[in-house]
Protein backbone atom coordinates (compact mmCIF):
# COMPACT_ATOMS: atom_id res chain seq x y z
CA UNK A 1 -50.19 -1.43 0.42
CA UNK A 2 -52.66 -3.86 2.05
CA UNK A 3 -54.95 -2.30 4.59
CA UNK A 4 -55.54 -5.03 7.20
CA UNK A 5 -57.27 -3.98 10.40
CA UNK A 6 -56.23 -5.59 13.71
CA UNK A 7 -59.63 -7.29 13.99
CA UNK A 8 -59.19 -8.90 10.57
CA UNK A 9 -55.70 -10.10 11.54
CA UNK A 10 -57.09 -11.61 14.75
CA UNK A 11 -59.76 -13.44 12.74
CA UNK A 12 -57.08 -14.90 10.40
CA UNK A 13 -55.01 -16.08 13.40
CA UNK A 14 -58.03 -17.79 15.01
CA UNK A 15 -58.96 -19.54 11.74
CA UNK A 16 -55.32 -20.63 11.28
CA UNK A 17 -55.21 -22.13 14.81
CA UNK A 18 -58.46 -24.02 14.17
CA UNK A 19 -57.63 -25.25 10.64
CA UNK A 20 -53.89 -25.97 10.99
CA UNK A 21 -53.83 -26.76 14.68
CA UNK A 22 -51.51 -25.46 17.38
CA UNK A 23 -49.05 -28.32 16.85
CA UNK A 24 -48.32 -27.61 13.16
CA UNK A 25 -48.80 -23.81 13.30
CA UNK A 26 -45.08 -22.93 13.88
CA UNK A 27 -44.04 -25.01 10.86
CA UNK A 28 -46.74 -23.39 8.71
CA UNK A 29 -45.71 -19.89 9.84
CA UNK A 30 -42.03 -20.69 9.14
CA UNK A 31 -42.92 -21.90 5.64
CA UNK A 32 -45.05 -18.82 5.00
CA UNK A 33 -42.18 -16.62 6.22
CA UNK A 34 -39.76 -18.28 3.80
CA UNK A 35 -42.17 -17.74 0.91
CA UNK A 36 -42.59 -14.09 1.86
CA UNK A 37 -38.81 -13.68 2.03
CA UNK A 38 -38.40 -15.18 -1.44
CA UNK A 39 -41.14 -12.93 -2.84
CA UNK A 40 -39.49 -9.87 -1.30
CA UNK A 41 -36.05 -10.80 -2.68
CA UNK A 42 -37.43 -11.40 -6.17
CA UNK A 43 -39.43 -8.17 -6.14
CA UNK A 44 -36.42 -6.23 -4.83
CA UNK A 45 -34.23 -7.70 -7.55
CA UNK A 46 -36.85 -6.87 -10.18
CA UNK A 47 -37.23 -3.32 -8.85
CA UNK A 48 -33.45 -2.81 -8.86
CA UNK A 49 -33.24 -4.02 -12.46
CA UNK A 50 -36.00 -1.66 -13.57
CA UNK A 51 -34.38 1.29 -11.75
CA UNK A 52 -31.02 0.48 -13.36
CA UNK A 53 -32.59 0.40 -16.81
CA UNK A 54 -34.30 3.75 -16.17
CA UNK A 55 -31.08 5.30 -14.87
CA UNK A 56 -29.10 4.07 -17.91
CA UNK A 57 -31.76 5.45 -20.29
CA UNK A 58 -31.65 8.82 -18.49
CA UNK A 59 -27.84 8.87 -18.67
CA UNK A 60 -27.90 8.09 -22.40
CA UNK A 61 -30.40 10.91 -22.94
CA UNK A 62 -28.27 13.35 -20.91
CA UNK A 63 -25.11 12.36 -22.83
CA UNK A 64 -26.92 12.90 -26.13
CA UNK A 65 -28.05 16.38 -25.01
CA UNK A 66 -24.55 17.25 -23.78
CA UNK A 67 -22.99 16.18 -27.09
CA UNK A 68 -25.51 18.31 -29.01
CA UNK A 69 -24.88 21.32 -26.75
CA UNK A 70 -21.11 20.85 -26.98
CA UNK A 71 -21.29 20.66 -30.78
CA UNK A 72 -23.41 23.84 -30.88
CA UNK A 73 -20.98 25.69 -28.59
CA UNK A 74 -17.93 24.52 -30.58
CA UNK A 75 -19.61 25.61 -33.84
CA UNK A 76 -20.48 29.03 -32.39
CA UNK A 77 -17.01 29.60 -30.90
CA UNK A 78 -14.31 27.89 -32.97
CA UNK A 79 -10.93 27.41 -31.32
CA UNK A 80 -8.30 29.92 -32.47
CA UNK A 81 -5.28 28.66 -34.43
CA UNK A 82 -2.43 28.35 -31.91
CA UNK A 83 0.22 29.30 -34.49
CA UNK A 84 -1.63 32.46 -35.53
CA UNK A 85 0.18 35.62 -34.44
CA UNK A 86 3.38 33.81 -33.42
CA UNK A 87 6.86 34.25 -34.71
CA UNK A 88 8.57 31.41 -36.56
CA UNK A 89 10.87 30.77 -33.59
CA UNK A 90 7.96 30.41 -31.19
CA UNK A 91 6.17 27.97 -33.50
CA UNK A 92 9.34 25.85 -33.82
CA UNK A 93 9.87 25.98 -30.06
CA UNK A 94 6.40 24.53 -29.43
CA UNK A 95 6.97 21.62 -31.78
CA UNK A 96 10.45 20.80 -30.43
CA UNK A 97 11.12 17.83 -28.18
CA UNK A 98 10.15 18.29 -24.52
CA UNK A 99 12.82 19.67 -22.20
CA UNK A 100 12.26 17.05 -19.52
CA UNK A 101 12.04 13.28 -19.75
CA UNK A 102 8.88 11.50 -18.68
CA UNK A 103 8.77 10.15 -15.14
CA UNK A 104 9.01 6.38 -14.71
CA UNK A 105 5.78 4.51 -14.17
CA UNK A 106 4.76 4.36 -10.49
CA UNK A 107 5.17 1.12 -8.59
CA UNK A 108 2.23 -1.07 -7.83
CA UNK A 109 1.20 -0.15 -4.22
CA UNK A 110 1.04 -3.81 -3.22
CA UNK A 111 4.62 -4.40 -4.40
CA UNK A 112 5.88 -1.14 -2.90
CA UNK A 113 4.47 -2.11 0.51
CA UNK A 114 6.76 -5.16 0.64
CA UNK A 115 9.86 -3.48 -0.83
CA UNK A 116 12.76 -2.80 1.56
CA UNK A 117 13.11 0.80 2.67
CA UNK A 118 16.90 0.81 2.33
CA UNK A 119 19.43 -1.41 0.56
CA UNK A 120 20.77 -4.47 2.34
CA UNK A 121 24.39 -3.26 2.00
CA UNK A 122 23.59 -0.19 4.09
CA UNK A 123 22.21 -2.30 6.96
CA UNK A 124 24.22 -2.52 10.15
CA UNK A 125 26.38 -5.63 10.56
CA UNK A 126 24.33 -6.71 13.60
CA UNK A 127 21.14 -6.57 11.57
CA UNK A 128 22.76 -8.35 8.65
CA UNK A 129 23.75 -11.23 10.93
CA UNK A 130 20.14 -11.63 12.02
CA UNK A 131 19.04 -11.90 8.40
CA UNK A 132 21.39 -14.78 7.62
CA UNK A 133 20.34 -18.38 8.16
CA UNK A 134 21.21 -19.61 11.65
CA UNK A 135 24.07 -21.84 10.44
CA UNK A 136 25.76 -18.90 8.66
CA UNK A 137 25.40 -16.37 11.49
CA UNK A 138 28.46 -15.34 13.47
CA UNK A 139 28.92 -17.21 16.74
CA UNK A 140 27.97 -14.18 18.84
CA UNK A 141 24.67 -13.82 16.96
CA UNK A 142 23.82 -17.51 17.46
CA UNK A 143 24.60 -17.25 21.16
CA UNK A 144 27.03 -20.17 21.03
CA UNK A 145 30.22 -18.12 21.38
CA UNK A 146 32.42 -18.12 24.41
CA UNK A 147 31.40 -14.65 25.42
CA UNK A 148 30.25 -13.75 28.90
CA UNK A 149 27.45 -11.44 29.83
CA UNK A 150 29.77 -8.78 31.19
CA UNK A 151 31.85 -8.70 28.03
CA UNK A 152 34.98 -10.05 29.69
CA UNK A 153 36.86 -13.24 28.97
CA UNK A 154 35.65 -16.51 30.51
């Protein structure tokens, strides 16, 4: 874009050191860098907007051409009548109610991920005791029973 030779860049740096001074040069370079960043962001945003507009115009043109071609093809090759050449029983059979019922709507994946895999009633009694609040658990599940480790009587 800009053709700057190394000697020209060196001349700009020397003039900047003399005019701005070595003390304020880092602040000036930081400010210039921020401005350049803003210019690049704005130009990138502008370029993206222009490219999007061009792409949308091309898509609209392609859709228009496709619709014209589809209309020409449909006019050249009309669809045959489905009832033509059928017996009366076959025509009635096609208009009858469907043999199978529609499937239920699928579950939302987020809800299905938290759903239990099996009903609570089918859970083992030991597991069911762990699901109860501590006060309602059997004594052996709370660990306050009079049981011994070996299973014998105390």
